[in-house]
Amino acid sequence: MFLGEKFGDGAAQVVSDGAEAAKKTVDKTVNNLLPANIGKNLGLALYGIIAVAGIAVFVYILSLLKPIFQIGANVSDK
């Protein structure tokens, strides 16, 4: 079922406008971070470095949350 069928055209328009605004924000952020005349290979390398850094931050955050998930791990069934 398409969103517009259930909620009407107004909701579909709001979703469409939100998606367009998000795309413009991402494009503007990327354009501010990376110069326009960057080479294709250098650009891909920078995106790779950004991706690896993002994964590293994600793993670091998970390692900080690990004790929360181990609270009941040492409980035995007696």
N, C-alpha and C. Protein backbone atom coordinates (compact mmCIF):
# COMPACT_ATOMS: atom_id res chain seq x y z
N MET A 1 0.86 -1.17 0.00
CA MET A 1 0.00 0.00 0.00
C MET A 1 0.90 1.23 0.00
N PHE A 2 0.63 2.13 -0.88
CA PHE A 2 1.37 3.37 -0.97
C PHE A 2 0.89 4.32 0.12
N LEU A 3 1.81 5.10 0.66
CA LEU A 3 1.48 5.99 1.76
C LEU A 3 0.35 6.95 1.39
N GLY A 4 0.35 7.42 0.16
CA GLY A 4 -0.67 8.37 -0.28
C GLY A 4 -2.07 7.78 -0.30
N GLU A 5 -2.18 6.46 -0.53
CA GLU A 5 -3.48 5.82 -0.56
C GLU A 5 -4.12 5.78 0.83
N LYS A 6 -3.30 5.61 1.86
CA LYS A 6 -3.83 5.47 3.20
C LYS A 6 -4.10 6.82 3.85
N PHE A 7 -3.18 7.76 3.70
CA PHE A 7 -3.28 9.02 4.40
C PHE A 7 -3.68 10.19 3.51
N GLY A 8 -3.81 9.97 2.25
CA GLY A 8 -4.16 11.04 1.34
C GLY A 8 -2.94 11.70 0.72
N ASP A 9 -3.20 12.57 -0.22
CA ASP A 9 -2.10 13.21 -0.94
C ASP A 9 -1.32 14.17 -0.06
N GLY A 10 -1.93 14.72 0.95
CA GLY A 10 -1.24 15.66 1.84
C GLY A 10 -0.07 15.02 2.55
N ALA A 11 -0.28 13.81 3.07
CA ALA A 11 0.79 13.11 3.77
C ALA A 11 1.91 12.73 2.81
N ALA A 12 1.54 12.29 1.62
CA ALA A 12 2.55 11.93 0.62
C ALA A 12 3.38 13.15 0.24
N GLN A 13 2.74 14.30 0.16
CA GLN A 13 3.46 15.53 -0.17
C GLN A 13 4.42 15.91 0.95
N VAL A 14 3.99 15.73 2.19
CA VAL A 14 4.85 16.05 3.34
C VAL A 14 6.08 15.13 3.33
N VAL A 15 5.87 13.84 3.08
CA VAL A 15 6.98 12.88 3.02
C VAL A 15 7.92 13.25 1.89
N SER A 16 7.36 13.59 0.75
CA SER A 16 8.17 13.97 -0.40
C SER A 16 8.97 15.23 -0.11
N ASP A 17 8.35 16.22 0.50
CA ASP A 17 9.05 17.46 0.84
C ASP A 17 10.16 17.19 1.86
N GLY A 18 9.88 16.33 2.82
CA GLY A 18 10.89 15.99 3.82
C GLY A 18 12.09 15.28 3.20
N ALA A 19 11.82 14.36 2.28
CA ALA A 19 12.90 13.64 1.61
C ALA A 19 13.74 14.60 0.76
N GLU A 20 13.07 15.52 0.09
CA GLU A 20 13.79 16.49 -0.74
C GLU A 20 14.64 17.42 0.14
N ALA A 21 14.11 17.84 1.27
CA ALA A 21 14.86 18.70 2.18
C ALA A 21 16.07 17.96 2.75
N ALA A 22 15.90 16.68 3.08
CA ALA A 22 17.01 15.89 3.60
C ALA A 22 18.10 15.74 2.54
N LYS A 23 17.70 15.50 1.29
CA LYS A 23 18.68 15.36 0.21
C LYS A 23 19.45 16.66 0.01
N LYS A 24 18.75 17.79 0.05
CA LYS A 24 19.42 19.08 -0.11
C LYS A 24 20.40 19.33 1.04
N THR A 25 20.01 18.94 2.25
CA THR A 25 20.89 19.13 3.42
C THR A 25 22.15 18.29 3.28
N VAL A 26 21.99 17.03 2.87
CA VAL A 26 23.14 16.14 2.69
C VAL A 26 24.04 16.67 1.58
N ASP A 27 23.45 17.08 0.46
CA ASP A 27 24.24 17.61 -0.64
C ASP A 27 25.01 18.86 -0.22
N LYS A 28 24.36 19.74 0.53
CA LYS A 28 25.00 20.96 0.98
C LYS A 28 26.15 20.64 1.94
N THR A 29 25.94 19.69 2.83
CA THR A 29 26.99 19.30 3.78
C THR A 29 28.18 18.70 3.05
N VAL A 30 27.92 17.81 2.09
CA VAL A 30 29.00 17.18 1.34
C VAL A 30 29.74 18.24 0.53
N ASN A 31 29.02 19.16 -0.07
CA ASN A 31 29.67 20.21 -0.86
C ASN A 31 30.52 21.12 0.01
N ASN A 32 30.13 21.33 1.26
CA ASN A 32 30.94 22.15 2.16
C ASN A 32 32.17 21.40 2.65
N LEU A 33 32.08 20.08 2.79
CA LEU A 33 33.20 19.30 3.30
C LEU A 33 34.24 19.00 2.22
N LEU A 34 33.78 18.67 1.03
CA LEU A 34 34.68 18.27 -0.04
C LEU A 34 34.66 19.33 -1.16
N PRO A 35 35.82 19.67 -1.69
CA PRO A 35 35.85 20.64 -2.79
C PRO A 35 35.19 20.07 -4.05
N ALA A 36 34.71 20.95 -4.89
CA ALA A 36 33.96 20.53 -6.08
C ALA A 36 34.87 19.88 -7.12
N ASN A 37 36.11 20.29 -7.23
CA ASN A 37 36.99 19.78 -8.29
C ASN A 37 37.90 18.65 -7.82
N ILE A 38 37.47 17.89 -6.85
CA ILE A 38 38.28 16.79 -6.33
C ILE A 38 38.27 15.65 -7.34
N GLY A 39 39.39 14.94 -7.43
CA GLY A 39 39.47 13.81 -8.35
C GLY A 39 38.60 12.66 -7.90
N LYS A 40 38.18 11.84 -8.87
CA LYS A 40 37.27 10.74 -8.55
C LYS A 40 37.92 9.75 -7.58
N ASN A 41 39.16 9.36 -7.83
CA ASN A 41 39.82 8.39 -6.95
C ASN A 41 40.07 8.97 -5.57
N LEU A 42 40.48 10.23 -5.51
CA LEU A 42 40.71 10.85 -4.21
C LEU A 42 39.40 10.98 -3.44
N GLY A 43 38.33 11.30 -4.15
CA GLY A 43 37.02 11.40 -3.52
C GLY A 43 36.58 10.07 -2.95
N LEU A 44 36.77 9.00 -3.73
CA LEU A 44 36.41 7.66 -3.24
C LEU A 44 37.27 7.27 -2.04
N ALA A 45 38.54 7.65 -2.07
CA ALA A 45 39.42 7.36 -0.94
C ALA A 45 38.94 8.10 0.31
N LEU A 46 38.55 9.35 0.15
CA LEU A 46 38.06 10.11 1.30
C LEU A 46 36.76 9.52 1.85
N TYR A 47 35.87 9.11 0.96
CA TYR A 47 34.64 8.47 1.41
C TYR A 47 34.95 7.16 2.14
N GLY A 48 35.94 6.43 1.67
CA GLY A 48 36.35 5.20 2.34
C GLY A 48 36.88 5.47 3.74
N ILE A 49 37.70 6.51 3.85
CA ILE A 49 38.24 6.88 5.17
C ILE A 49 37.11 7.30 6.11
N ILE A 50 36.17 8.07 5.59
CA ILE A 50 35.03 8.50 6.40
C ILE A 50 34.21 7.28 6.85
N ALA A 51 34.03 6.32 5.94
CA ALA A 51 33.27 5.11 6.28
C ALA A 51 33.98 4.30 7.36
N VAL A 52 35.30 4.13 7.22
CA VAL A 52 36.06 3.38 8.22
C VAL A 52 36.00 4.09 9.57
N ALA A 53 36.12 5.41 9.56
CA ALA A 53 36.04 6.17 10.81
C ALA A 53 34.67 6.01 11.44
N GLY A 54 33.61 6.04 10.62
CA GLY A 54 32.26 5.85 11.14
C GLY A 54 32.08 4.48 11.76
N ILE A 55 32.61 3.45 11.12
CA ILE A 55 32.52 2.10 11.66
C ILE A 55 33.29 2.00 12.97
N ALA A 56 34.46 2.64 13.02
CA ALA A 56 35.26 2.62 14.25
C ALA A 56 34.51 3.28 15.40
N VAL A 57 33.86 4.39 15.13
CA VAL A 57 33.08 5.08 16.17
C VAL A 57 31.92 4.20 16.62
N PHE A 58 31.26 3.54 15.66
CA PHE A 58 30.15 2.65 15.98
C PHE A 58 30.60 1.50 16.88
N VAL A 59 31.73 0.88 16.55
CA VAL A 59 32.26 -0.22 17.35
C VAL A 59 32.67 0.27 18.74
N TYR A 60 33.24 1.47 18.80
CA TYR A 60 33.62 2.04 20.10
C TYR A 60 32.39 2.26 20.98
N ILE A 61 31.33 2.78 20.39
CA ILE A 61 30.09 3.00 21.16
C ILE A 61 29.52 1.66 21.62
N LEU A 62 29.56 0.65 20.77
CA LEU A 62 29.08 -0.68 21.18
C LEU A 62 29.92 -1.24 22.32
N SER A 63 31.23 -0.99 22.29
CA SER A 63 32.07 -1.50 23.37
C SER A 63 31.75 -0.79 24.68
N LEU A 64 31.34 0.47 24.61
CA LEU A 64 30.94 1.18 25.82
C LEU A 64 29.62 0.65 26.36
N LEU A 65 28.75 0.17 25.48
CA LEU A 65 27.45 -0.34 25.90
C LEU A 65 27.50 -1.81 26.33
N LYS A 66 28.62 -2.49 26.09
CA LYS A 66 28.72 -3.92 26.39
C LYS A 66 28.38 -4.26 27.84
N PRO A 67 28.84 -3.51 28.85
CA PRO A 67 28.48 -3.86 30.24
C PRO A 67 26.98 -3.83 30.51
N ILE A 68 26.24 -3.02 29.80
CA ILE A 68 24.79 -2.96 30.00
C ILE A 68 24.14 -4.29 29.63
N PHE A 69 24.66 -4.92 28.57
CA PHE A 69 24.07 -6.17 28.10
C PHE A 69 24.56 -7.37 28.89
N GLN A 70 25.58 -7.20 29.73
CA GLN A 70 26.11 -8.31 30.51
C GLN A 70 25.59 -8.32 31.94
N ILE A 71 24.63 -7.49 32.26
CA ILE A 71 24.13 -7.38 33.64
C ILE A 71 23.60 -8.73 34.13
N GLY A 72 22.80 -9.42 33.35
CA GLY A 72 22.23 -10.70 33.79
C GLY A 72 22.96 -11.91 33.27
N ALA A 73 24.14 -11.73 32.71
CA ALA A 73 24.86 -12.85 32.08
C ALA A 73 25.36 -13.86 33.09
N ASN A 74 25.67 -13.45 34.31
CA ASN A 74 26.26 -14.36 35.30
C ASN A 74 25.22 -14.99 36.23
N VAL A 75 23.96 -14.81 35.95
CA VAL A 75 22.91 -15.37 36.78
C VAL A 75 22.72 -16.83 36.39
N SER A 76 22.78 -17.73 37.37
CA SER A 76 22.60 -19.15 37.07
C SER A 76 21.20 -19.60 37.47
N ASP A 77 20.74 -20.64 36.81
CA ASP A 77 19.41 -21.21 37.12
C ASP A 77 19.59 -22.31 38.16
N LYS A 78 19.27 -22.04 39.40
CA LYS A 78 19.41 -23.06 40.46
C LYS A 78 18.07 -23.45 41.00
